[in-house]
Amino acid sequence: MSRPRPTLPGTHQPPTQQSQPPGADGAERASAELAGPDDAGAEHARPDGVRPEGRPGGVHPVDESRPLGRILLFGIQHVLVMAATPISAIFLMSATLRLDPHLTVDLLSAAFVLSGAGSLIQSLGPWKFGPRLPFVMLPGGAPLVLFLAIAEQHGLRTATGAVILTALFSFVVLPVFSRLLALFPALVIGTMIVIVGVNLVKVGAVLVTGRPGEPGFADPVNLGLGMATIGFTVVCYLLSSGVLRQLAVMLGLLAGTAFAALLGSVDFGRAAEGGLFNAPQPLPFGSPRFDLVAALPLMLYSLASMAEATGQTVINAEAVGKEIDRRTAVPRTIRGDALTSLAGGFLGLPLMVTSGENIGIVRVTGVRSRFVTAAAGLVLIAIGFLAPVTRAISLIPSAVIGGTAMVVFAVITVLGIQMLGRSDLDRHTNTFVCAVALALGLLPILVPGVYAGFPPNLRILLESGVAVGAFTAALLHFLFHHVRPGIAARVAGARTESDR
C-alpha cells in the first residue's frame, strides 16, 4: 500500500493510489539527480517522506514555464530525436504507392505541420482537447500499414475517406469507451507499455541494421554509427551536469552525425536542392471517397488506438509525476488524436497518434514542462513550411537516429516494467494474465510474418502486437477479476440455499 498523500494543489481531489508505487520515492530522487539542479528542487521530499506535487506556489513542473531560449532548445531536442518518424512514414508511403516526388514533398510538409499542430493541442489542451501533458504527435505505424492496405485495394481517395470516417468514429464511440476505462488497470496498461517499448526498440534497431534479407543488412559501418551514437550519449550524460546533462540525448545525436560526416556517410549536396518554402496541399489525392466496408479495419483498429492512448496518457503522467483523473485526461487525449487525424485526412495523411517515443526523452532528461513539447510543435510546424530545414534533418543517417532511438525507447519498456511491479504480480492470477498477454502481444514482433496465411484484414489487426496484447490483458483481467468471482459467488449462494 502506498503512503497517504495530500490532495492536489488547488483542488479537492485526492491523488489516485495507483500513481504512487511502493518505493517510488527512491526512484524519484534518482530521477531528480539525473535531471540536474533546475528540476531537482521540486523532487526534495518533505520531512514526512512524501514528495510534494509541485514547486512553491502550487505550480507543478509540468505546468511551469521556462526561459524561452531553454524551452526552444529542449523542444528542438524532441524534434531531432523524433523527426525520423514522419520522414520514414512518408517515404515508405511514397515508395509503396509510387507517388510523384513533388507529391511526396507536399505530404512530408503536411506530416510535419500536423505533427506540430497535434503536439500543440495535446500539450496546451484547448477546451476539451488535449490532456495538457508533454506529448508529441506523429503518424502512427500500424495506422500507416492499414492506410496503405486500403489504398492498394480501393484507391487513395478511399483511403483518405477511411481516415476521415475513423476520426469521426472516434468521437462517436468515445463516450462509451470512457466508461470502459476500469477494464484497463495498471496490470493491463503496464503489459501494453512493455510491448510498446519492445516494439519501438525494434523499430530503432531496424534503423541501424536495416531489414533482414535486404541489401546492406547489418552493415558494419551502420552498426558502428549506431553504437557510437549510443556511446556519445552515455559519455555526454556521464560527464555533464545541469542543462548539458538534460541535453545529452541531443548532444549524442549531433556527435553521432558529426562522426558520420567524418566517415563520409552524410550527403550535404542534397541540402541545397529545391526551393525555400513549401506548404501542405489540401486533398492531394482528390475528393475523399467514403466506403464504410473499406474503412472497417481502420475503424476497428481505432479502438485499439484508444486503448493505447489510455496507456500513453497514464505512463506520460507517471513519467512527469503528475496526478491525473483518467476519466477526463484520457478522453482529452483521444479527442486530440481524432481532431488531428480528421485534419490529416484532408491533407492525405494516415491516422495521427499520440507518441510514446518522447516519454523516454522526458524521463531521461528530467525536463517535464509541457511547454517544451509545445515548442517542439512550433518547430515541427516551421519545419513543415521551411523546405531547407526538412532536407537538412533528412541528412542525418538513419543509423544515428536509430542509435538514439534505441536508448529512448528502452526507457519506455522500463516504465512499463515499473507499472507491472505495482500490479500485485505475487498473485498467480495476475502473473498468468500478464504472461499470456505478453506471449500473444510479442509473437508478431519477435516472429514477423507469423500471420501471413490469414486473410489480409484480419492479418493487419493480428500483426499489431500492441492491440493484441492490450485486448488479451483486458479480456483476461475482466474474466478472472469480474466474471469468475461473480460466478463463484452465485455458486456459493446456491449451495447455501440448498443447505437450508
Protein backbone atom coordinates (compact mmCIF):
# COMPACT_ATOMS: atom_id res chain seq x y z
CA MET A 1 0.00 0.00 0.00
CA SER A 2 1.26 3.47 -0.79
CA ARG A 3 1.57 6.08 1.89
CA PRO A 4 -1.15 8.72 2.35
CA ARG A 5 -0.73 11.66 0.01
CA PRO A 6 -2.15 15.18 0.27
CA THR A 7 -4.79 16.47 -2.12
CA LEU A 8 -3.64 18.08 -5.36
CA PRO A 9 -2.71 21.76 -5.11
CA GLY A 10 -5.67 23.97 -5.90
CA THR A 11 -8.18 21.08 -5.99
CA HIS A 12 -10.17 18.92 -3.60
CA GLN A 13 -9.41 15.75 -5.49
CA PRO A 14 -7.20 13.21 -3.74
CA PRO A 15 -4.47 11.68 -5.85
CA THR A 16 -5.07 8.18 -7.08
CA GLN A 17 -3.45 5.45 -5.07
CA GLN A 18 -2.15 3.83 -8.20
CA SER A 19 0.17 6.59 -9.27
CA GLN A 20 2.49 6.38 -6.26
CA PRO A 21 4.01 2.91 -6.29
CA PRO A 22 5.88 1.42 -3.36
CA GLY A 23 9.47 2.50 -3.44
CA ALA A 24 8.81 5.30 -5.87
CA ASP A 25 10.43 7.91 -3.65
CA GLY A 26 13.89 6.48 -4.24
CA ALA A 27 13.33 6.34 -7.99
CA GLU A 28 12.10 9.92 -8.00
CA ARG A 29 15.12 11.11 -6.03
CA ALA A 30 17.38 9.35 -8.53
CA SER A 31 15.46 10.95 -11.38
CA ALA A 32 15.88 14.33 -9.74
CA GLU A 33 19.65 13.81 -9.55
CA LEU A 34 19.73 12.95 -13.25
CA ALA A 35 17.59 15.96 -14.11
CA GLY A 36 20.12 18.44 -12.81
CA PRO A 37 19.71 21.33 -10.39
CA ASP A 38 16.82 23.03 -12.17
CA ASP A 39 14.41 20.15 -11.76
CA ALA A 40 15.84 18.55 -8.66
CA GLY A 41 14.47 21.24 -6.41
CA ALA A 42 10.93 20.05 -6.99
CA GLU A 43 11.81 16.50 -6.02
CA HIS A 44 13.05 17.02 -2.46
CA ALA A 45 10.92 15.04 -0.04
CA ARG A 46 9.29 16.69 2.96
CA PRO A 47 10.22 15.55 6.46
CA ASP A 48 7.30 13.10 6.41
CA GLY A 49 8.84 11.46 3.36
CA VAL A 50 6.11 12.48 0.92
CA ARG A 51 7.21 14.17 -2.28
CA PRO A 52 5.47 17.45 -2.93
CA GLU A 53 3.45 17.54 -6.14
CA GLY A 54 4.75 20.86 -7.37
CA ARG A 55 7.01 23.80 -6.69
CA PRO A 56 6.30 26.56 -4.22
CA GLY A 57 3.05 28.28 -5.08
CA GLY A 58 1.40 25.02 -6.21
CA VAL A 59 2.75 25.08 -9.80
CA HIS A 60 3.61 21.59 -10.96
CA PRO A 61 6.80 21.28 -13.06
CA VAL A 62 4.62 20.13 -15.98
CA ASP A 63 2.81 23.48 -15.96
CA GLU A 64 5.89 25.58 -15.24
CA SER A 65 7.21 27.88 -17.93
CA ARG A 66 10.94 28.32 -18.51
CA PRO A 67 13.08 30.91 -20.27
CA LEU A 68 12.12 30.99 -23.95
CA GLY A 69 15.61 30.06 -25.15
CA ARG A 70 15.77 26.94 -22.99
CA ILE A 71 12.23 25.87 -23.88
CA LEU A 72 13.08 26.17 -27.56
CA LEU A 73 16.35 24.27 -27.11
CA PHE A 74 14.66 21.40 -25.29
CA GLY A 75 11.89 21.41 -27.90
CA ILE A 76 14.44 21.05 -30.67
CA GLN A 77 15.86 18.05 -28.81
CA HIS A 78 12.45 16.32 -29.01
CA VAL A 79 12.22 17.15 -32.70
CA LEU A 80 15.72 15.89 -33.52
CA VAL A 81 15.08 12.54 -31.91
CA MET A 82 11.62 12.09 -33.40
CA ALA A 83 11.92 13.69 -36.84
CA ALA A 84 12.79 10.33 -38.38
CA THR A 85 9.25 9.04 -37.79
CA PRO A 86 7.31 11.38 -40.10
CA ILE A 87 10.14 11.27 -42.67
CA SER A 88 10.28 7.47 -42.75
CA ALA A 89 6.46 7.18 -42.74
CA ILE A 90 6.07 9.44 -45.76
CA PHE A 91 9.00 7.89 -47.63
CA LEU A 92 7.53 4.41 -47.02
CA MET A 93 4.13 5.64 -48.20
CA SER A 94 5.66 7.20 -51.31
CA ALA A 95 7.68 4.10 -52.20
CA THR A 96 4.77 1.70 -51.66
CA LEU A 97 2.23 3.73 -53.64
CA ARG A 98 4.78 5.05 -56.19
CA LEU A 99 3.91 8.68 -55.61
CA ASP A 100 5.29 11.61 -57.57
CA PRO A 101 8.35 13.28 -55.92
CA HIS A 102 6.56 16.62 -55.70
CA LEU A 103 3.60 14.96 -54.02
CA THR A 104 5.99 13.29 -51.60
CA VAL A 105 7.40 16.69 -50.62
CA ASP A 106 3.86 18.02 -50.05
CA LEU A 107 2.98 15.03 -47.86
CA LEU A 108 6.19 15.40 -45.88
CA SER A 109 5.35 19.05 -45.27
CA ALA A 110 1.85 18.07 -44.17
CA ALA A 111 3.21 15.39 -41.82
CA PHE A 112 5.44 17.90 -40.02
CA VAL A 113 2.74 20.58 -39.83
CA LEU A 114 0.11 18.15 -38.48
CA SER A 115 2.61 16.62 -36.03
CA GLY A 116 3.30 20.10 -34.72
CA ALA A 117 -0.37 21.10 -34.56
CA GLY A 118 -1.24 17.87 -32.73
CA SER A 119 1.63 18.40 -30.28
CA LEU A 120 0.30 21.88 -29.50
CA ILE A 121 -3.21 20.53 -28.94
CA GLN A 122 -2.07 17.74 -26.61
CA SER A 123 0.41 19.93 -24.70
CA LEU A 124 -1.69 23.09 -24.28
CA GLY A 125 -5.09 21.42 -24.01
CA PRO A 126 -7.51 23.97 -25.52
CA TRP A 127 -11.14 23.48 -24.46
CA LYS A 128 -11.78 19.69 -24.18
CA PHE A 129 -8.92 18.65 -26.44
CA GLY A 130 -5.53 17.51 -25.12
CA PRO A 131 -4.55 16.32 -21.61
CA ARG A 132 -2.05 19.18 -21.03
CA LEU A 133 0.85 16.77 -20.74
CA PRO A 134 4.19 16.81 -22.63
CA PHE A 135 3.05 14.89 -25.71
CA VAL A 136 4.27 14.85 -29.31
CA MET A 137 2.04 13.53 -32.10
CA LEU A 138 3.28 11.60 -35.13
CA PRO A 139 1.92 9.46 -37.97
CA GLY A 140 1.20 6.04 -36.46
CA GLY A 141 3.00 2.89 -37.58
CA ALA A 142 0.07 0.45 -37.57
CA PRO A 143 -2.38 3.05 -38.99
CA LEU A 144 0.09 3.65 -41.83
CA VAL A 145 0.07 -0.05 -42.70
CA LEU A 146 -3.75 -0.05 -42.70
CA PHE A 147 -3.82 3.12 -44.81
CA LEU A 148 -1.51 1.54 -47.39
CA ALA A 149 -3.58 -1.65 -47.49
CA ILE A 150 -6.80 0.29 -48.12
CA ALA A 151 -5.09 2.47 -50.74
CA GLU A 152 -3.75 -0.56 -52.62
CA GLN A 153 -7.11 -2.36 -52.55
CA HIS A 154 -9.55 0.53 -53.01
CA GLY A 155 -7.52 3.58 -54.09
CA LEU A 156 -6.05 6.63 -52.36
CA ARG A 157 -9.32 8.56 -52.33
CA THR A 158 -10.98 5.74 -50.42
CA ALA A 159 -8.02 5.54 -48.04
CA THR A 160 -8.28 9.25 -47.16
CA GLY A 161 -12.04 8.82 -46.76
CA ALA A 162 -11.37 5.95 -44.36
CA VAL A 163 -9.13 8.20 -42.24
CA ILE A 164 -11.86 10.85 -42.04
CA LEU A 165 -14.54 8.27 -41.19
CA THR A 166 -12.32 6.75 -38.50
CA ALA A 167 -11.65 10.13 -36.91
CA LEU A 168 -15.40 10.81 -36.75
CA PHE A 169 -15.99 7.27 -35.44
CA SER A 170 -13.59 8.00 -32.57
CA PHE A 171 -15.69 10.98 -31.49
CA VAL A 172 -18.86 8.87 -31.64
CA VAL A 173 -17.64 5.89 -29.58
CA LEU A 174 -15.59 7.92 -27.08
CA PRO A 175 -18.42 8.31 -24.52
CA VAL A 176 -18.81 4.53 -24.39
CA PHE A 177 -15.08 3.90 -24.27
CA SER A 178 -14.66 6.32 -21.36
CA ARG A 179 -16.93 4.09 -19.27
CA LEU A 180 -14.73 1.09 -20.03
CA LEU A 181 -11.54 2.56 -18.55
CA ALA A 182 -11.99 0.34 -15.50
CA LEU A 183 -11.01 -2.54 -17.78
CA PHE A 184 -7.53 -1.01 -18.17
CA PRO A 185 -5.89 -1.12 -14.71
CA ALA A 186 -2.13 -0.90 -14.13
CA LEU A 187 -1.73 -4.60 -14.97
CA VAL A 188 -3.23 -4.13 -18.44
CA ILE A 189 -1.56 -0.80 -19.17
CA GLY A 190 1.83 -1.96 -17.87
CA THR A 191 1.69 -5.03 -20.11
CA MET A 192 0.77 -2.87 -23.07
CA ILE A 193 3.57 -0.37 -22.39
CA VAL A 194 6.16 -3.17 -22.22
CA ILE A 195 5.00 -4.40 -25.64
CA VAL A 196 5.05 -0.83 -26.99
CA GLY A 197 8.60 -0.35 -25.68
CA VAL A 198 9.91 -3.61 -27.13
CA ASN A 199 8.29 -2.82 -30.46
CA LEU A 200 9.79 0.67 -30.52
CA VAL A 201 13.26 -0.64 -29.63
CA LYS A 202 12.93 -2.96 -32.60
CA VAL A 203 11.96 -0.01 -34.82
CA GLY A 204 15.04 1.89 -33.64
CA ALA A 205 17.24 -1.15 -34.16
CA VAL A 206 15.99 -1.61 -37.74
CA LEU A 207 17.08 1.96 -38.46
CA VAL A 208 20.60 0.86 -37.51
CA THR A 209 20.74 -2.61 -39.04
CA GLY A 210 18.31 -2.43 -41.95
CA ARG A 211 15.81 -5.20 -42.61
CA PRO A 212 16.93 -8.84 -42.86
CA GLY A 213 17.19 -10.04 -46.43
CA GLU A 214 17.62 -6.55 -47.89
CA PRO A 215 20.92 -5.25 -49.32
CA GLY A 216 23.16 -3.69 -46.70
CA PHE A 217 21.63 -5.56 -43.75
CA ALA A 218 23.87 -5.36 -40.65
CA ASP A 219 26.40 -3.21 -42.49
CA PRO A 220 29.42 -2.75 -40.15
CA VAL A 221 29.56 1.00 -40.83
CA ASN A 222 25.92 1.48 -39.86
CA LEU A 223 26.33 -0.71 -36.80
CA GLY A 224 29.37 1.33 -35.83
CA LEU A 225 27.45 4.60 -36.25
CA GLY A 226 24.56 3.36 -34.12
CA MET A 227 26.81 2.06 -31.34
CA ALA A 228 28.96 5.20 -31.47
CA THR A 229 25.86 7.39 -31.09
CA ILE A 230 24.81 5.42 -28.02
CA GLY A 231 28.35 5.75 -26.66
CA PHE A 232 28.40 9.52 -27.27
CA THR A 233 25.08 9.84 -25.43
CA VAL A 234 26.40 7.89 -22.45
CA VAL A 235 29.59 9.98 -22.32
CA CYS A 236 27.62 13.24 -22.50
CA TYR A 237 25.33 12.04 -19.73
CA LEU A 238 28.25 10.85 -17.61
CA LEU A 239 30.50 13.89 -17.89
CA SER A 240 27.95 16.72 -17.90
CA SER A 241 25.55 18.21 -15.38
CA GLY A 242 22.67 20.65 -15.25
CA VAL A 243 21.48 21.88 -18.64
CA LEU A 244 24.12 19.95 -20.58
CA ARG A 245 23.05 16.71 -18.96
CA GLN A 246 19.45 17.45 -19.89
CA LEU A 247 20.62 17.87 -23.49
CA ALA A 248 22.65 14.64 -23.52
CA VAL A 249 20.30 12.97 -26.00
CA MET A 250 20.61 15.81 -28.50
CA LEU A 251 24.36 16.14 -27.97
CA GLY A 252 24.80 12.42 -28.56
CA LEU A 253 22.74 12.69 -31.74
CA LEU A 254 24.77 15.64 -33.01
CA ALA A 255 28.03 13.90 -32.13
CA GLY A 256 26.88 10.81 -34.00
CA THR A 257 26.01 12.93 -37.03
CA ALA A 258 29.42 14.64 -36.93
CA PHE A 259 31.09 11.23 -36.71
CA ALA A 260 29.04 10.06 -39.70
CA ALA A 261 30.15 13.14 -41.64
CA LEU A 262 33.80 12.29 -40.92
CA LEU A 263 33.19 8.81 -42.31
CA GLY A 264 31.61 10.27 -45.44
CA SER A 265 28.13 8.94 -44.65
CA VAL A 266 26.37 12.33 -44.95
CA ASP A 267 25.46 13.74 -48.37
CA PHE A 268 25.48 17.52 -47.89
CA GLY A 269 24.73 18.14 -51.56
CA ARG A 270 21.03 17.39 -51.09
CA ALA A 271 20.64 20.30 -48.65
CA ALA A 272 20.97 22.86 -51.47
CA GLU A 273 18.32 21.30 -53.70
CA GLY A 274 14.82 22.75 -54.12
CA GLY A 275 13.16 25.99 -53.02
CA LEU A 276 12.87 27.79 -49.71
CA PHE A 277 9.22 27.32 -48.73
CA ASN A 278 6.73 24.51 -49.07
CA ALA A 279 3.14 24.31 -47.81
CA PRO A 280 0.81 21.32 -47.37
CA GLN A 281 -1.70 20.91 -50.18
CA PRO A 282 -5.32 20.11 -49.22
CA LEU A 283 -6.88 17.00 -50.78
CA PRO A 284 -3.71 15.96 -52.65
CA PHE A 285 -5.42 12.79 -53.98
CA GLY A 286 -8.69 14.46 -54.92
CA SER A 287 -12.00 14.49 -53.07
CA PRO A 288 -12.32 11.66 -50.49
CA ARG A 289 -14.45 8.63 -51.24
CA PHE A 290 -16.34 7.23 -48.25
CA ASP A 291 -16.71 3.45 -48.06
CA LEU A 292 -17.69 2.01 -44.66
CA VAL A 293 -16.68 -1.54 -45.60
CA ALA A 294 -13.24 -0.45 -46.77
CA ALA A 295 -12.81 1.72 -43.66
CA LEU A 296 -13.85 -1.05 -41.23
CA PRO A 297 -10.32 -2.39 -40.47
CA LEU A 298 -9.10 1.11 -39.68
CA MET A 299 -12.18 1.83 -37.55
CA LEU A 300 -11.67 -1.39 -35.60
CA TYR A 301 -8.04 -0.51 -35.06
CA SER A 302 -9.08 2.87 -33.66
CA LEU A 303 -10.46 1.02 -30.63
CA ALA A 304 -7.02 -0.44 -30.02
CA SER A 305 -5.56 3.02 -30.60
CA MET A 306 -7.83 4.36 -27.86
CA ALA A 307 -6.55 1.69 -25.51
CA GLU A 308 -3.01 2.64 -26.46
CA ALA A 309 -3.83 6.33 -25.87
CA THR A 310 -5.00 5.30 -22.40
CA GLY A 311 -1.62 3.74 -21.69
CA GLN A 312 0.27 6.66 -23.24
CA THR A 313 -1.62 9.18 -21.09
CA VAL A 314 -1.12 7.27 -17.86
CA ILE A 315 2.55 6.49 -18.48
CA ASN A 316 3.21 10.09 -19.52
CA ALA A 317 1.67 11.31 -16.27
CA GLU A 318 3.74 8.73 -14.39
CA ALA A 319 6.92 9.89 -16.12
CA VAL A 320 6.37 13.52 -15.16
CA GLY A 321 5.00 12.74 -11.68
CA LYS A 322 1.63 14.44 -12.15
CA GLU A 323 -1.60 13.09 -10.72
CA ILE A 324 -4.41 12.94 -13.29
CA ASP A 325 -8.04 11.87 -13.40
CA ARG A 326 -8.06 9.23 -16.12
CA ARG A 327 -11.78 9.71 -16.71
CA THR A 328 -11.14 13.21 -18.04
CA ALA A 329 -7.48 13.13 -19.17
CA VAL A 330 -7.76 10.04 -21.41
CA PRO A 331 -10.80 11.32 -23.37
CA ARG A 332 -9.00 14.62 -23.89
CA THR A 333 -6.04 12.73 -25.39
CA ILE A 334 -8.32 10.72 -27.68
CA ARG A 335 -10.15 13.86 -28.80
CA GLY A 336 -6.80 15.44 -29.66
CA ASP A 337 -5.89 12.36 -31.70
CA ALA A 338 -9.22 12.39 -33.50
CA LEU A 339 -9.15 16.11 -34.29
CA THR A 340 -5.61 15.96 -35.67
CA SER A 341 -6.40 12.82 -37.68
CA LEU A 342 -9.52 14.47 -39.10
CA ALA A 343 -7.39 17.36 -40.38
CA GLY A 344 -4.76 14.88 -41.59
CA GLY A 345 -7.33 13.03 -43.65
CA PHE A 346 -7.94 16.18 -45.69
CA LEU A 347 -4.17 16.51 -46.22
CA GLY A 348 -3.68 12.93 -47.43
CA LEU A 349 -2.13 11.52 -44.24
CA PRO A 350 -2.83 8.34 -42.25
CA LEU A 351 -4.14 8.49 -38.69
CA MET A 352 -2.10 10.64 -36.31
CA VAL A 353 -1.46 9.26 -32.82
CA THR A 354 -0.01 10.45 -29.55
CA SER A 355 3.54 9.18 -29.42
CA GLY A 356 5.14 7.27 -26.59
CA GLU A 357 8.56 7.94 -28.03
CA ASN A 358 9.02 11.32 -26.36
CA ILE A 359 8.15 9.88 -22.94
CA GLY A 360 11.60 8.34 -22.89
CA ILE A 361 13.16 11.75 -23.55
CA VAL A 362 11.13 13.27 -20.72
CA ARG A 363 12.31 10.56 -18.34
CA VAL A 364 15.95 10.64 -19.45
CA THR A 365 16.32 14.42 -19.39
CA GLY A 366 14.06 15.14 -16.41
CA VAL A 367 12.54 18.13 -18.27
CA ARG A 368 8.82 17.81 -17.61
CA SER A 369 7.33 21.10 -18.80
CA ARG A 370 4.55 20.69 -21.37
CA PHE A 371 5.64 24.00 -22.85
CA VAL A 372 8.74 22.19 -24.13
CA THR A 373 6.64 19.86 -26.28
CA ALA A 374 4.53 22.85 -27.30
CA ALA A 375 7.76 24.46 -28.50
CA ALA A 376 8.55 21.21 -30.31
CA GLY A 377 5.18 21.56 -32.01
CA LEU A 378 6.03 25.05 -33.22
CA VAL A 379 9.40 23.79 -34.50
CA LEU A 380 7.67 20.94 -36.35
CA ILE A 381 5.26 23.40 -37.98
CA ALA A 382 8.17 25.63 -39.02
CA ILE A 383 9.97 22.61 -40.49
CA GLY A 384 6.86 21.80 -42.49
CA PHE A 385 6.99 25.19 -44.19
CA LEU A 386 10.79 25.53 -44.47
CA ALA A 387 11.96 23.10 -47.12
CA PRO A 388 15.73 23.53 -46.45
CA VAL A 389 15.26 22.60 -42.78
CA THR A 390 13.38 19.46 -43.74
CA ARG A 391 16.14 18.49 -46.14
CA ALA A 392 18.82 19.21 -43.52
CA ILE A 393 17.13 16.94 -40.95
CA SER A 394 16.77 14.23 -43.58
CA LEU A 395 20.58 14.28 -43.93
CA ILE A 396 21.03 12.65 -40.51
CA PRO A 397 21.84 9.00 -41.23
CA SER A 398 19.20 6.53 -40.14
CA ALA A 399 21.79 4.59 -38.15
CA VAL A 400 22.48 7.63 -35.99
CA ILE A 401 18.78 8.27 -35.40
CA GLY A 402 18.32 4.59 -34.64
CA GLY A 403 21.08 4.57 -32.04
CA THR A 404 19.46 7.47 -30.21
CA ALA A 405 16.00 5.96 -30.57
CA MET A 406 17.04 2.63 -29.06
CA VAL A 407 18.09 4.30 -25.82
CA VAL A 408 14.99 6.45 -25.59
CA PHE A 409 12.60 3.63 -26.48
CA ALA A 410 14.18 1.24 -23.99
CA VAL A 411 13.29 3.69 -21.22
CA ILE A 412 9.62 3.22 -22.13
CA THR A 413 9.99 -0.53 -21.63
CA VAL A 414 11.44 0.12 -18.18
CA LEU A 415 8.48 2.36 -17.32
CA GLY A 416 6.11 -0.44 -18.28
CA ILE A 417 8.03 -2.85 -16.07
CA GLN A 418 7.73 -0.35 -13.21
CA MET A 419 3.95 -0.30 -13.68
CA LEU A 420 3.83 -4.09 -13.65
CA GLY A 421 5.87 -4.02 -10.45
CA ARG A 422 2.95 -2.43 -8.61
CA SER A 423 0.33 -4.73 -10.14
CA ASP A 424 0.49 -7.38 -7.41
CA LEU A 425 2.24 -9.95 -9.59
CA ASP A 426 2.64 -12.10 -6.47
CA ARG A 427 -0.94 -13.17 -7.19
CA HIS A 428 -0.77 -16.10 -9.58
CA THR A 429 -3.82 -14.84 -11.48
CA ASN A 430 -2.15 -11.53 -12.33
CA THR A 431 1.06 -13.32 -13.32
CA PHE A 432 -0.91 -15.59 -15.64
CA VAL A 433 -2.80 -12.69 -17.26
CA CYS A 434 0.44 -10.78 -17.84
CA ALA A 435 2.25 -13.84 -19.20
CA VAL A 436 -0.45 -14.75 -21.75
CA ALA A 437 -0.83 -11.14 -22.91
CA LEU A 438 2.93 -10.74 -23.34
CA ALA A 439 3.19 -14.03 -25.21
CA LEU A 440 0.49 -13.12 -27.73
CA GLY A 441 1.50 -9.46 -27.97
CA LEU A 442 5.19 -10.13 -28.54
CA LEU A 443 4.62 -13.00 -31.01
CA PRO A 444 4.17 -10.86 -34.17
CA ILE A 445 7.05 -8.63 -33.06
CA LEU A 446 9.52 -11.43 -32.45
CA VAL A 447 8.36 -13.60 -35.37
CA PRO A 448 7.44 -11.28 -38.27
CA GLY A 449 5.06 -12.79 -40.80
CA VAL A 450 3.60 -15.35 -38.38
CA TYR A 451 0.08 -14.46 -39.55
CA ALA A 452 0.94 -14.38 -43.27
CA GLY A 453 -1.58 -17.15 -44.03
CA PHE A 454 -4.55 -15.25 -42.58
CA PRO A 455 -6.95 -13.01 -44.56
CA PRO A 456 -5.44 -9.54 -45.18
CA ASN A 457 -7.78 -7.51 -42.94
CA LEU A 458 -7.51 -9.96 -40.04
CA ARG A 459 -3.76 -10.23 -40.52
CA ILE A 460 -3.28 -6.47 -40.25
CA LEU A 461 -5.06 -6.45 -36.89
CA LEU A 462 -3.30 -9.54 -35.53
CA GLU A 463 0.12 -8.21 -36.52
CA SER A 464 -0.39 -5.23 -34.21
CA GLY A 465 1.21 -6.73 -31.11
CA VAL A 466 0.19 -3.72 -29.02
CA ALA A 467 -3.51 -4.17 -29.86
CA VAL A 468 -3.40 -7.95 -29.35
CA GLY A 469 -1.55 -7.65 -26.03
CA ALA A 470 -3.82 -4.89 -24.72
CA PHE A 471 -7.08 -6.65 -25.56
CA THR A 472 -5.79 -10.00 -24.31
CA ALA A 473 -4.78 -8.49 -20.97
CA ALA A 474 -8.06 -6.56 -20.68
CA LEU A 475 -10.18 -9.60 -21.56
CA LEU A 476 -8.36 -11.97 -19.20
CA HIS A 477 -8.39 -9.39 -16.40
CA PHE A 478 -12.16 -9.00 -16.86
CA LEU A 479 -12.72 -12.77 -16.90
CA PHE A 480 -10.57 -13.51 -13.86
CA HIS A 481 -11.39 -10.48 -11.72
CA HIS A 482 -15.03 -9.78 -12.66
CA VAL A 483 -16.74 -12.75 -14.32
CA ARG A 484 -15.15 -15.59 -12.36
CA PRO A 485 -15.73 -14.03 -8.88
CA GLY A 486 -19.37 -13.35 -9.83
CA ILE A 487 -19.92 -16.94 -10.91
CA ALA A 488 -18.21 -18.23 -7.77
CA ALA A 489 -20.42 -16.01 -5.60
CA ARG A 490 -23.57 -17.27 -7.30
CA VAL A 491 -22.49 -20.91 -6.92
CA ALA A 492 -21.69 -20.35 -3.24
CA GLY A 493 -25.07 -18.65 -2.74
CA ALA A 494 -26.89 -21.52 -4.44
CA ARG A 495 -25.12 -24.04 -2.20
CA THR A 496 -26.07 -22.05 0.89
CA GLU A 497 -29.74 -22.02 -0.20
CA SER A 498 -29.67 -25.76 -0.85
CA ASP A 499 -28.11 -26.44 2.55
CA ARG A 500 -31.03 -24.68 4.19
